[in-house]
């Protein structure tokens, strides 16, 4: 199953972190690598990467990861790393080279007895609703364990996302009964840095869930 890696860093040296982040261009051409991109939300850096499966991801972590990561040593005070399994495609899918200025991240913790409803609402309410919103380029819905989920969507501009939040989000949230499903939710709107984008050497296809 395809993997989505989400890294958040509390950065203390913004310029140094930015320079080091460009060193991740060495990922291009690695077996199983599906793209990486990221940017800033306040003082935090968010980076998202895609891998074909657990085998290729582990090979990367056991191989060149530490050498590349050393280029950012001392530029942040803490980091959070989470790896999710891709479950659903939103719109055109998650593409590293999407025509987007911002990335919206919604990190959801779901009540155990509401998990199935939450996943069904994502497929039947949220995904079609977001896909129909002007300026939504594509995205993905991913899971980690039994009750932790990540929703990622690319937006052409921050204005497009703000318009969606004002005009469409309230009705979608009510239809999805999100208040009943969620134990907690946090999010970020990330201003993407084009220089951080690392695309695969071949034209990239959006992540798709495995056929059941």
N, C-alpha and C. Protein backbone atom coordinates (compact mmCIF):
# COMPACT_ATOMS: atom_id res chain seq x y z
N UNK A 1 0.85 -1.20 0.00
CA UNK A 1 0.00 0.00 0.00
C UNK A 1 0.88 1.24 0.00
N UNK A 2 0.49 2.25 -0.76
CA UNK A 2 1.26 3.49 -0.83
C UNK A 2 1.29 4.18 0.53
N UNK A 3 2.42 4.82 0.83
CA UNK A 3 2.62 5.49 2.11
C UNK A 3 2.74 6.99 1.91
N UNK A 4 2.25 7.73 2.89
CA UNK A 4 2.39 9.18 2.93
C UNK A 4 3.09 9.53 4.23
N UNK A 5 4.23 10.19 4.11
CA UNK A 5 5.01 10.59 5.29
C UNK A 5 4.80 12.09 5.53
N UNK A 6 4.46 12.43 6.76
CA UNK A 6 4.23 13.83 7.13
C UNK A 6 5.21 14.20 8.24
N UNK A 7 6.03 15.19 7.95
CA UNK A 7 7.04 15.66 8.90
C UNK A 7 6.74 17.12 9.25
N UNK A 8 6.74 17.42 10.55
CA UNK A 8 6.57 18.78 11.03
C UNK A 8 7.77 19.14 11.89
N UNK A 9 8.38 20.29 11.62
CA UNK A 9 9.56 20.73 12.37
C UNK A 9 9.33 22.12 12.95
N UNK A 10 9.66 22.29 14.23
CA UNK A 10 9.67 23.60 14.86
C UNK A 10 11.04 24.22 14.57
N UNK A 11 11.08 25.12 13.62
CA UNK A 11 12.34 25.60 13.05
C UNK A 11 12.88 26.79 13.83
N UNK A 12 14.19 26.76 14.09
CA UNK A 12 14.87 27.86 14.77
C UNK A 12 15.78 28.65 13.83
N UNK A 13 16.21 28.04 12.75
CA UNK A 13 17.06 28.70 11.75
C UNK A 13 16.38 28.53 10.40
N UNK A 14 15.54 29.49 10.06
CA UNK A 14 14.70 29.36 8.87
C UNK A 14 15.54 29.28 7.59
N UNK A 15 16.53 30.15 7.46
CA UNK A 15 17.36 30.13 6.25
C UNK A 15 18.15 28.84 6.14
N UNK A 16 18.71 28.39 7.26
CA UNK A 16 19.48 27.15 7.24
C UNK A 16 18.61 25.95 6.92
N UNK A 17 17.41 25.93 7.49
CA UNK A 17 16.49 24.83 7.20
C UNK A 17 16.13 24.82 5.72
N UNK A 18 15.86 26.00 5.18
CA UNK A 18 15.50 26.10 3.77
C UNK A 18 16.63 25.57 2.88
N UNK A 19 17.86 25.95 3.18
CA UNK A 19 18.99 25.46 2.38
C UNK A 19 19.10 23.94 2.48
N UNK A 20 18.95 23.42 3.70
CA UNK A 20 19.04 21.98 3.87
C UNK A 20 17.92 21.23 3.18
N UNK A 21 16.73 21.83 3.16
CA UNK A 21 15.60 21.16 2.54
C UNK A 21 15.83 20.94 1.06
N UNK A 22 16.56 21.83 0.43
CA UNK A 22 16.84 21.68 -1.00
C UNK A 22 17.74 20.48 -1.28
N UNK A 23 18.45 20.02 -0.25
CA UNK A 23 19.30 18.85 -0.42
C UNK A 23 18.53 17.56 -0.61
N UNK A 24 17.22 17.59 -0.30
CA UNK A 24 16.40 16.39 -0.48
C UNK A 24 16.14 16.09 -1.96
N UNK A 25 16.65 16.94 -2.84
CA UNK A 25 16.57 16.64 -4.27
C UNK A 25 17.25 15.31 -4.59
N UNK A 26 18.13 14.85 -3.69
CA UNK A 26 18.80 13.56 -3.89
C UNK A 26 17.81 12.39 -3.87
N UNK A 27 16.59 12.63 -3.43
CA UNK A 27 15.59 11.57 -3.44
C UNK A 27 15.16 11.18 -4.85
N UNK A 28 15.30 12.10 -5.77
CA UNK A 28 14.82 11.84 -7.13
C UNK A 28 15.49 10.59 -7.69
N UNK A 29 14.69 9.67 -8.17
CA UNK A 29 15.21 8.45 -8.76
C UNK A 29 15.35 7.29 -7.79
N UNK A 30 15.13 7.53 -6.50
CA UNK A 30 15.20 6.42 -5.54
C UNK A 30 14.05 5.44 -5.79
N UNK A 31 14.28 4.15 -5.68
CA UNK A 31 13.21 3.18 -5.91
C UNK A 31 12.00 3.45 -5.01
N UNK A 32 10.83 3.49 -5.60
CA UNK A 32 9.60 3.67 -4.86
C UNK A 32 9.25 5.09 -4.50
N UNK A 33 10.13 6.05 -4.79
CA UNK A 33 9.87 7.43 -4.41
C UNK A 33 8.80 8.04 -5.30
N UNK A 34 7.77 8.64 -4.67
CA UNK A 34 6.66 9.20 -5.42
C UNK A 34 6.54 10.70 -5.37
N UNK A 35 7.53 11.37 -4.76
CA UNK A 35 7.49 12.83 -4.71
C UNK A 35 7.51 13.36 -3.29
N UNK A 36 7.99 14.60 -3.16
CA UNK A 36 8.03 15.26 -1.85
C UNK A 36 7.86 16.76 -2.05
N UNK A 37 7.18 17.41 -1.11
CA UNK A 37 6.97 18.85 -1.19
C UNK A 37 6.64 19.37 0.19
N UNK A 38 6.62 20.68 0.35
CA UNK A 38 6.33 21.25 1.66
C UNK A 38 6.45 22.75 1.67
N UNK A 39 6.38 23.31 2.89
CA UNK A 39 6.45 24.75 3.03
C UNK A 39 6.24 25.16 4.48
N UNK A 40 5.78 26.39 4.65
CA UNK A 40 5.71 27.00 5.97
C UNK A 40 4.27 27.27 6.41
N UNK A 41 4.03 27.07 7.70
CA UNK A 41 2.81 27.50 8.35
C UNK A 41 3.24 28.14 9.67
N UNK A 42 3.31 29.46 9.69
CA UNK A 42 3.89 30.14 10.83
C UNK A 42 5.37 29.79 10.95
N UNK A 43 5.82 29.43 12.15
CA UNK A 43 7.21 29.05 12.35
C UNK A 43 7.49 27.58 12.15
N UNK A 44 6.49 26.84 11.71
CA UNK A 44 6.65 25.39 11.52
C UNK A 44 6.81 25.07 10.04
N UNK A 45 7.69 24.12 9.78
CA UNK A 45 7.85 23.59 8.42
C UNK A 45 7.10 22.27 8.34
N UNK A 46 6.37 22.10 7.25
CA UNK A 46 5.64 20.85 6.99
C UNK A 46 6.17 20.27 5.69
N UNK A 47 6.50 18.98 5.71
CA UNK A 47 6.99 18.29 4.52
C UNK A 47 6.21 17.00 4.35
N UNK A 48 5.75 16.75 3.14
CA UNK A 48 4.99 15.54 2.82
C UNK A 48 5.74 14.78 1.74
N UNK A 49 5.90 13.47 1.96
CA UNK A 49 6.56 12.63 0.97
C UNK A 49 5.74 11.38 0.70
N UNK A 50 5.86 10.83 -0.50
CA UNK A 50 5.10 9.65 -0.90
C UNK A 50 6.05 8.53 -1.31
N UNK A 51 5.70 7.31 -0.89
CA UNK A 51 6.48 6.12 -1.21
C UNK A 51 5.55 5.02 -1.67
N UNK A 52 6.05 4.18 -2.54
CA UNK A 52 5.21 3.15 -3.16
C UNK A 52 4.74 2.11 -2.15
N UNK A 53 5.61 1.77 -1.18
CA UNK A 53 5.27 0.71 -0.24
C UNK A 53 6.25 0.73 0.92
N UNK A 54 6.00 -0.12 1.90
CA UNK A 54 6.84 -0.18 3.10
C UNK A 54 8.25 -0.62 2.77
N UNK A 55 8.42 -1.53 1.82
CA UNK A 55 9.75 -2.05 1.49
C UNK A 55 10.66 -0.95 0.97
N UNK A 56 10.19 -0.17 0.00
CA UNK A 56 11.04 0.89 -0.56
C UNK A 56 11.25 2.01 0.45
N UNK A 57 10.25 2.29 1.28
CA UNK A 57 10.43 3.32 2.30
C UNK A 57 11.47 2.90 3.32
N UNK A 58 11.44 1.66 3.77
CA UNK A 58 12.42 1.19 4.75
C UNK A 58 13.82 1.17 4.15
N UNK A 59 13.93 0.83 2.87
CA UNK A 59 15.23 0.84 2.22
C UNK A 59 15.81 2.25 2.21
N UNK A 60 14.97 3.24 1.96
CA UNK A 60 15.41 4.63 2.00
C UNK A 60 15.84 5.03 3.41
N UNK A 61 15.04 4.69 4.41
CA UNK A 61 15.36 5.07 5.79
C UNK A 61 16.65 4.41 6.25
N UNK A 62 16.88 3.18 5.85
CA UNK A 62 18.08 2.45 6.25
C UNK A 62 19.29 2.84 5.41
N UNK A 63 19.06 3.56 4.32
CA UNK A 63 20.13 3.91 3.40
C UNK A 63 20.55 5.37 3.50
N UNK A 64 20.06 6.21 2.56
CA UNK A 64 20.58 7.57 2.42
C UNK A 64 19.91 8.59 3.34
N UNK A 65 18.87 8.21 4.06
CA UNK A 65 18.12 9.20 4.84
C UNK A 65 19.00 10.02 5.77
N UNK A 66 19.80 9.37 6.58
CA UNK A 66 20.57 10.10 7.59
C UNK A 66 21.57 11.05 6.97
N UNK A 67 22.16 10.66 5.84
CA UNK A 67 23.12 11.53 5.17
C UNK A 67 22.44 12.81 4.69
N UNK A 68 21.26 12.69 4.09
CA UNK A 68 20.56 13.88 3.61
C UNK A 68 20.08 14.73 4.78
N UNK A 69 19.52 14.07 5.80
CA UNK A 69 18.98 14.79 6.95
C UNK A 69 20.05 15.57 7.70
N UNK A 70 21.29 15.14 7.63
CA UNK A 70 22.38 15.84 8.32
C UNK A 70 22.53 17.28 7.84
N UNK A 71 22.07 17.56 6.63
CA UNK A 71 22.16 18.91 6.10
C UNK A 71 21.27 19.91 6.82
N UNK A 72 20.35 19.42 7.65
CA UNK A 72 19.48 20.32 8.41
C UNK A 72 19.72 20.23 9.92
N UNK A 73 20.79 19.58 10.31
CA UNK A 73 21.10 19.45 11.73
C UNK A 73 21.28 20.84 12.35
N UNK A 74 20.67 21.04 13.51
CA UNK A 74 20.79 22.30 14.23
C UNK A 74 19.88 23.41 13.75
N UNK A 75 19.00 23.13 12.79
CA UNK A 75 18.13 24.19 12.27
C UNK A 75 16.71 24.12 12.85
N UNK A 76 16.41 23.10 13.66
CA UNK A 76 15.09 22.99 14.27
C UNK A 76 15.24 22.40 15.67
N UNK A 77 14.27 22.71 16.54
CA UNK A 77 14.36 22.25 17.93
C UNK A 77 13.58 20.97 18.19
N UNK A 78 12.63 20.66 17.36
CA UNK A 78 11.87 19.43 17.52
C UNK A 78 11.24 19.05 16.18
N UNK A 79 10.94 17.76 16.05
CA UNK A 79 10.32 17.27 14.82
C UNK A 79 9.33 16.17 15.15
N UNK A 80 8.25 16.14 14.40
CA UNK A 80 7.25 15.08 14.50
C UNK A 80 7.18 14.38 13.16
N UNK A 81 7.24 13.05 13.19
CA UNK A 81 7.21 12.26 11.95
C UNK A 81 6.11 11.22 12.06
N UNK A 82 5.20 11.22 11.11
CA UNK A 82 4.13 10.23 11.07
C UNK A 82 4.03 9.65 9.67
N UNK A 83 3.82 8.35 9.58
CA UNK A 83 3.67 7.67 8.29
C UNK A 83 2.26 7.07 8.23
N UNK A 84 1.54 7.43 7.19
CA UNK A 84 0.15 6.99 6.99
C UNK A 84 0.05 6.11 5.75
N UNK A 85 -0.97 5.28 5.72
CA UNK A 85 -1.29 4.48 4.54
C UNK A 85 -2.36 5.18 3.73
N UNK A 86 -2.11 5.32 2.45
CA UNK A 86 -3.08 5.98 1.57
C UNK A 86 -4.35 5.15 1.48
N UNK A 87 -5.49 5.82 1.61
CA UNK A 87 -6.77 5.10 1.56
C UNK A 87 -7.69 5.58 0.44
N UNK A 88 -7.87 6.88 0.30
CA UNK A 88 -8.78 7.41 -0.71
C UNK A 88 -8.12 8.55 -1.48
N UNK A 89 -8.47 8.64 -2.76
CA UNK A 89 -8.03 9.74 -3.60
C UNK A 89 -9.10 10.83 -3.60
N UNK A 90 -8.67 12.07 -3.53
CA UNK A 90 -9.58 13.21 -3.58
C UNK A 90 -9.34 13.95 -4.90
N UNK A 91 -10.37 14.08 -5.70
CA UNK A 91 -10.23 14.77 -6.97
C UNK A 91 -9.19 14.12 -7.86
N UNK A 92 -8.26 14.93 -8.36
CA UNK A 92 -7.22 14.45 -9.27
C UNK A 92 -6.13 13.67 -8.55
N UNK A 93 -6.17 13.64 -7.21
CA UNK A 93 -5.16 12.91 -6.46
C UNK A 93 -4.06 13.82 -5.95
N UNK A 94 -3.12 13.21 -5.25
CA UNK A 94 -2.03 13.94 -4.61
C UNK A 94 -0.82 13.93 -5.54
N UNK A 95 -0.47 15.10 -6.06
CA UNK A 95 0.62 15.22 -7.01
C UNK A 95 1.67 16.20 -6.49
N UNK A 96 2.95 15.82 -6.47
CA UNK A 96 3.98 16.72 -5.97
C UNK A 96 4.12 17.99 -6.80
N UNK A 97 3.84 17.89 -8.10
CA UNK A 97 3.99 19.04 -8.98
C UNK A 97 2.65 19.68 -9.33
N UNK A 98 1.70 19.59 -8.41
CA UNK A 98 0.38 20.18 -8.63
C UNK A 98 0.50 21.70 -8.76
N UNK A 99 -0.41 22.27 -9.53
CA UNK A 99 -0.47 23.72 -9.72
C UNK A 99 -1.17 24.33 -8.50
N UNK A 100 -0.43 24.39 -7.39
CA UNK A 100 -1.03 24.81 -6.12
C UNK A 100 -0.06 25.70 -5.36
N UNK A 101 -0.62 26.67 -4.65
CA UNK A 101 0.19 27.56 -3.81
C UNK A 101 0.14 27.16 -2.35
N UNK A 102 -0.92 26.43 -1.95
CA UNK A 102 -1.05 26.05 -0.54
C UNK A 102 -1.49 24.59 -0.42
N UNK A 103 -1.14 24.02 0.71
CA UNK A 103 -1.54 22.66 1.07
C UNK A 103 -2.29 22.73 2.39
N UNK A 104 -3.49 22.18 2.41
CA UNK A 104 -4.27 22.10 3.64
C UNK A 104 -4.10 20.71 4.25
N UNK A 105 -3.74 20.69 5.54
CA UNK A 105 -3.58 19.45 6.30
C UNK A 105 -4.62 19.42 7.41
N UNK A 106 -5.37 18.35 7.50
CA UNK A 106 -6.29 18.15 8.61
C UNK A 106 -5.93 16.82 9.28
N UNK A 107 -5.49 16.90 10.52
CA UNK A 107 -5.06 15.73 11.28
C UNK A 107 -6.19 15.35 12.24
N UNK A 108 -6.81 14.21 12.00
CA UNK A 108 -8.04 13.84 12.70
C UNK A 108 -7.85 12.63 13.60
N UNK A 109 -8.34 12.74 14.82
CA UNK A 109 -8.45 11.60 15.73
C UNK A 109 -9.94 11.30 15.90
N UNK A 110 -10.32 10.08 15.59
CA UNK A 110 -11.73 9.70 15.49
C UNK A 110 -12.12 8.82 16.68
N UNK A 111 -13.32 9.03 17.17
CA UNK A 111 -13.83 8.16 18.23
C UNK A 111 -13.92 6.72 17.72
N UNK A 112 -13.45 5.75 18.51
CA UNK A 112 -13.37 4.36 18.02
C UNK A 112 -14.67 3.82 17.45
N UNK A 113 -15.79 4.15 18.07
CA UNK A 113 -17.06 3.61 17.60
C UNK A 113 -17.61 4.35 16.38
N UNK A 114 -16.89 5.40 15.93
CA UNK A 114 -17.34 6.18 14.78
C UNK A 114 -16.41 6.04 13.58
N UNK A 115 -15.45 5.14 13.67
CA UNK A 115 -14.45 5.03 12.61
C UNK A 115 -15.09 4.73 11.25
N UNK A 116 -15.93 3.71 11.19
CA UNK A 116 -16.51 3.31 9.92
C UNK A 116 -17.36 4.43 9.33
N UNK A 117 -18.10 5.12 10.18
CA UNK A 117 -18.91 6.23 9.69
C UNK A 117 -18.02 7.35 9.15
N UNK A 118 -16.93 7.64 9.84
CA UNK A 118 -16.03 8.70 9.42
C UNK A 118 -15.45 8.41 8.04
N UNK A 119 -15.01 7.17 7.83
CA UNK A 119 -14.44 6.79 6.53
C UNK A 119 -15.50 6.87 5.44
N UNK A 120 -16.69 6.41 5.74
CA UNK A 120 -17.78 6.46 4.76
C UNK A 120 -18.15 7.91 4.42
N UNK A 121 -18.20 8.76 5.44
CA UNK A 121 -18.51 10.17 5.20
C UNK A 121 -17.43 10.85 4.37
N UNK A 122 -16.18 10.45 4.58
CA UNK A 122 -15.10 11.01 3.77
C UNK A 122 -15.31 10.68 2.30
N UNK A 123 -15.68 9.43 2.02
CA UNK A 123 -15.86 8.99 0.64
C UNK A 123 -17.12 9.58 0.00
N UNK A 124 -18.19 9.68 0.79
CA UNK A 124 -19.49 10.04 0.21
C UNK A 124 -19.85 11.52 0.33
N UNK A 125 -19.25 12.21 1.30
CA UNK A 125 -19.59 13.62 1.52
C UNK A 125 -18.41 14.54 1.26
N UNK A 126 -17.33 14.34 2.02
CA UNK A 126 -16.20 15.26 1.93
C UNK A 126 -15.50 15.23 0.58
N UNK A 127 -15.18 14.05 0.09
CA UNK A 127 -14.42 13.98 -1.16
C UNK A 127 -15.17 14.62 -2.33
N UNK A 128 -16.44 14.26 -2.57
CA UNK A 128 -17.16 14.94 -3.65
C UNK A 128 -17.31 16.44 -3.41
N UNK A 129 -17.55 16.82 -2.15
CA UNK A 129 -17.72 18.24 -1.84
C UNK A 129 -16.47 19.05 -2.09
N UNK A 130 -15.33 18.53 -1.66
CA UNK A 130 -14.08 19.25 -1.90
C UNK A 130 -13.70 19.23 -3.37
N UNK A 131 -13.95 18.12 -4.04
CA UNK A 131 -13.60 18.01 -5.46
C UNK A 131 -14.35 19.02 -6.30
N UNK A 132 -15.56 19.39 -5.87
CA UNK A 132 -16.37 20.34 -6.62
C UNK A 132 -16.03 21.79 -6.31
N UNK A 133 -15.18 22.03 -5.32
CA UNK A 133 -14.85 23.39 -4.92
C UNK A 133 -13.88 24.02 -5.90
N UNK A 134 -14.15 25.23 -6.39
CA UNK A 134 -13.21 25.91 -7.28
C UNK A 134 -11.85 26.08 -6.62
N UNK A 135 -10.80 25.75 -7.36
CA UNK A 135 -9.44 25.93 -6.85
C UNK A 135 -8.87 24.75 -6.11
N UNK A 136 -9.68 23.70 -5.85
CA UNK A 136 -9.15 22.50 -5.20
C UNK A 136 -8.51 21.64 -6.29
N UNK A 137 -7.20 21.43 -6.18
CA UNK A 137 -6.45 20.77 -7.24
C UNK A 137 -6.47 19.26 -7.10
N UNK A 138 -6.44 18.74 -5.88
CA UNK A 138 -6.42 17.30 -5.65
C UNK A 138 -5.91 17.01 -4.26
N UNK A 139 -6.06 15.76 -3.84
CA UNK A 139 -5.61 15.43 -2.50
C UNK A 139 -5.71 13.95 -2.20
N UNK A 140 -5.58 13.64 -0.90
CA UNK A 140 -5.61 12.25 -0.46
C UNK A 140 -6.11 12.17 0.97
N UNK A 141 -6.66 11.01 1.29
CA UNK A 141 -7.14 10.68 2.63
C UNK A 141 -6.35 9.46 3.07
N UNK A 142 -5.69 9.55 4.22
CA UNK A 142 -4.80 8.48 4.66
C UNK A 142 -5.07 8.14 6.11
N UNK A 143 -4.66 6.92 6.51
CA UNK A 143 -4.94 6.45 7.87
C UNK A 143 -3.67 5.92 8.52
N UNK A 144 -3.68 5.97 9.84
CA UNK A 144 -2.57 5.46 10.65
C UNK A 144 -3.19 4.81 11.88
N UNK A 145 -3.06 3.50 11.99
CA UNK A 145 -3.72 2.81 13.09
C UNK A 145 -5.23 2.78 12.88
N UNK A 146 -5.96 2.66 13.98
CA UNK A 146 -7.41 2.49 13.88
C UNK A 146 -8.20 3.79 13.95
N UNK A 147 -7.59 4.86 14.47
CA UNK A 147 -8.40 6.04 14.73
C UNK A 147 -7.71 7.35 14.39
N UNK A 148 -6.63 7.30 13.62
CA UNK A 148 -5.89 8.51 13.26
C UNK A 148 -5.89 8.64 11.73
N UNK A 149 -6.24 9.83 11.25
CA UNK A 149 -6.37 10.06 9.82
C UNK A 149 -5.74 11.40 9.44
N UNK A 150 -5.34 11.49 8.17
CA UNK A 150 -4.78 12.72 7.63
C UNK A 150 -5.48 13.02 6.31
N UNK A 151 -5.99 14.23 6.20
CA UNK A 151 -6.61 14.69 4.95
C UNK A 151 -5.72 15.79 4.38
N UNK A 152 -5.24 15.59 3.16
CA UNK A 152 -4.37 16.57 2.50
C UNK A 152 -5.04 17.03 1.22
N UNK A 153 -5.09 18.34 1.02
CA UNK A 153 -5.64 18.87 -0.22
C UNK A 153 -4.77 20.03 -0.71
N UNK A 154 -4.49 20.02 -2.01
CA UNK A 154 -3.80 21.13 -2.66
C UNK A 154 -4.84 22.14 -3.15
N UNK A 155 -4.52 23.42 -2.96
CA UNK A 155 -5.39 24.50 -3.41
C UNK A 155 -4.59 25.46 -4.27
N UNK A 156 -5.23 25.95 -5.33
CA UNK A 156 -4.52 26.83 -6.24
C UNK A 156 -4.03 28.09 -5.53
N UNK A 157 -4.88 28.66 -4.67
CA UNK A 157 -4.49 29.84 -3.89
C UNK A 157 -5.12 29.74 -2.50
N UNK A 158 -4.58 30.54 -1.57
CA UNK A 158 -5.17 30.61 -0.23
C UNK A 158 -6.57 31.21 -0.29
N UNK A 159 -6.80 32.09 -1.25
CA UNK A 159 -8.14 32.68 -1.40
C UNK A 159 -9.15 31.61 -1.79
N UNK A 160 -8.76 30.69 -2.67
CA UNK A 160 -9.66 29.60 -3.04
C UNK A 160 -10.04 28.78 -1.82
N UNK A 161 -9.05 28.49 -0.97
CA UNK A 161 -9.35 27.70 0.23
C UNK A 161 -10.25 28.48 1.18
N UNK A 162 -9.98 29.78 1.35
CA UNK A 162 -10.81 30.59 2.25
C UNK A 162 -12.25 30.65 1.75
N UNK A 163 -12.43 30.72 0.45
CA UNK A 163 -13.79 30.74 -0.13
C UNK A 163 -14.51 29.42 0.14
N UNK A 164 -13.77 28.31 0.02
CA UNK A 164 -14.35 27.00 0.33
C UNK A 164 -14.77 26.93 1.80
N UNK A 165 -13.92 27.41 2.69
CA UNK A 165 -14.24 27.37 4.13
C UNK A 165 -15.50 28.19 4.42
N UNK A 166 -15.62 29.33 3.77
CA UNK A 166 -16.77 30.20 4.02
C UNK A 166 -18.05 29.69 3.37
N UNK A 167 -17.94 29.18 2.14
CA UNK A 167 -19.14 28.89 1.35
C UNK A 167 -19.61 27.44 1.41
N UNK A 168 -18.69 26.50 1.56
CA UNK A 168 -19.05 25.09 1.42
C UNK A 168 -18.80 24.25 2.68
N UNK A 169 -17.75 24.58 3.42
CA UNK A 169 -17.34 23.75 4.55
C UNK A 169 -18.43 23.56 5.59
N UNK A 170 -19.15 24.61 6.03
CA UNK A 170 -20.14 24.40 7.09
C UNK A 170 -21.21 23.37 6.73
N UNK A 171 -21.72 23.42 5.50
CA UNK A 171 -22.76 22.47 5.10
C UNK A 171 -22.20 21.06 4.99
N UNK A 172 -20.97 20.93 4.48
CA UNK A 172 -20.36 19.60 4.38
C UNK A 172 -20.13 19.01 5.77
N UNK A 173 -19.67 19.83 6.69
CA UNK A 173 -19.41 19.35 8.05
C UNK A 173 -20.71 18.86 8.71
N UNK A 174 -21.79 19.58 8.48
CA UNK A 174 -23.07 19.15 9.06
C UNK A 174 -23.55 17.85 8.43
N UNK A 175 -23.47 17.75 7.10
CA UNK A 175 -23.91 16.53 6.41
C UNK A 175 -23.08 15.32 6.84
N UNK A 176 -21.80 15.53 7.07
CA UNK A 176 -20.90 14.43 7.44
C UNK A 176 -21.01 14.05 8.91
N UNK A 177 -21.72 14.85 9.71
CA UNK A 177 -21.82 14.62 11.16
C UNK A 177 -20.44 14.54 11.79
N UNK A 178 -19.56 15.45 11.37
CA UNK A 178 -18.18 15.42 11.82
C UNK A 178 -18.06 15.61 13.33
N UNK A 179 -18.92 16.41 13.91
CA UNK A 179 -18.84 16.65 15.35
C UNK A 179 -19.04 15.36 16.15
N UNK A 180 -19.82 14.44 15.60
CA UNK A 180 -20.05 13.16 16.28
C UNK A 180 -18.88 12.20 16.09
N UNK A 181 -18.16 12.36 14.98
CA UNK A 181 -17.07 11.43 14.66
C UNK A 181 -15.76 11.77 15.34
N UNK A 182 -15.47 13.06 15.48
CA UNK A 182 -14.13 13.50 15.84
C UNK A 182 -13.93 13.63 17.34
N UNK A 183 -12.84 13.02 17.82
CA UNK A 183 -12.40 13.25 19.19
C UNK A 183 -11.52 14.49 19.26
N UNK A 184 -10.75 14.73 18.19
CA UNK A 184 -9.89 15.90 18.11
C UNK A 184 -9.48 16.10 16.66
N UNK A 185 -9.26 17.36 16.29
CA UNK A 185 -8.76 17.66 14.95
C UNK A 185 -7.90 18.90 15.02
N UNK A 186 -6.75 18.85 14.36
CA UNK A 186 -5.88 20.01 14.22
C UNK A 186 -5.56 20.16 12.74
N UNK A 187 -5.12 21.33 12.37
CA UNK A 187 -4.84 21.54 10.96
C UNK A 187 -3.84 22.65 10.73
N UNK A 188 -3.43 22.76 9.48
CA UNK A 188 -2.51 23.81 9.07
C UNK A 188 -2.75 24.12 7.61
N UNK A 189 -2.58 25.38 7.26
CA UNK A 189 -2.57 25.80 5.86
C UNK A 189 -1.13 26.17 5.54
N UNK A 190 -0.53 25.40 4.66
CA UNK A 190 0.91 25.49 4.40
C UNK A 190 1.16 26.26 3.11
N UNK A 191 1.97 27.32 3.21
CA UNK A 191 2.41 28.04 2.02
C UNK A 191 3.55 27.25 1.39
N UNK A 192 3.29 26.69 0.23
CA UNK A 192 4.27 25.80 -0.40
C UNK A 192 5.47 26.57 -0.93
N UNK A 193 6.64 25.96 -0.78
CA UNK A 193 7.90 26.51 -1.30
C UNK A 193 8.29 25.68 -2.52
N UNK A 194 8.20 26.24 -3.72
CA UNK A 194 8.48 25.44 -4.92
C UNK A 194 9.85 24.78 -4.91
N UNK A 195 10.85 25.42 -4.32
CA UNK A 195 12.20 24.86 -4.31
C UNK A 195 12.29 23.59 -3.48
N UNK A 196 11.31 23.32 -2.64
CA UNK A 196 11.32 22.10 -1.83
C UNK A 196 10.71 20.91 -2.56
N UNK A 197 10.06 21.16 -3.67
CA UNK A 197 9.39 20.08 -4.40
C UNK A 197 10.40 19.19 -5.11
N UNK A 198 10.29 17.90 -4.87
CA UNK A 198 11.12 16.91 -5.56
C UNK A 198 10.16 15.96 -6.27
N UNK A 199 10.15 16.02 -7.59
CA UNK A 199 9.26 15.16 -8.38
C UNK A 199 10.00 13.91 -8.82
N UNK A 200 9.31 12.81 -9.02
CA UNK A 200 9.94 11.62 -9.58
C UNK A 200 10.48 11.91 -10.97
N UNK A 201 11.46 11.14 -11.45
CA UNK A 201 12.03 11.40 -12.77
C UNK A 201 11.05 11.20 -13.90
N UNK A 202 10.04 10.34 -13.71
CA UNK A 202 9.02 10.12 -14.72
C UNK A 202 7.76 10.89 -14.34
N UNK A 203 6.93 11.22 -15.32
CA UNK A 203 5.66 11.89 -14.98
C UNK A 203 4.93 11.12 -13.90
N UNK A 204 4.58 11.82 -12.84
CA UNK A 204 4.04 11.15 -11.65
C UNK A 204 2.54 10.94 -11.76
N UNK A 205 2.10 9.75 -11.38
CA UNK A 205 0.68 9.45 -11.29
C UNK A 205 0.24 9.63 -9.84
N UNK A 206 -0.96 10.17 -9.63
CA UNK A 206 -1.42 10.35 -8.26
C UNK A 206 -1.54 9.03 -7.53
N UNK A 207 -1.37 9.10 -6.22
CA UNK A 207 -1.51 7.90 -5.40
C UNK A 207 -2.92 7.34 -5.52
N UNK A 208 -3.00 6.03 -5.63
CA UNK A 208 -4.29 5.35 -5.69
C UNK A 208 -4.31 4.26 -4.63
N UNK A 209 -5.46 4.03 -4.01
CA UNK A 209 -5.54 2.93 -3.05
C UNK A 209 -5.43 1.61 -3.77
N UNK A 210 -4.97 0.55 -3.09
CA UNK A 210 -4.86 -0.75 -3.73
C UNK A 210 -6.23 -1.32 -4.07
N UNK A 211 -6.29 -2.14 -5.10
CA UNK A 211 -7.54 -2.80 -5.45
C UNK A 211 -7.82 -3.90 -4.44
N UNK A 212 -9.05 -3.95 -3.98
CA UNK A 212 -9.43 -4.93 -2.97
C UNK A 212 -9.96 -6.19 -3.66
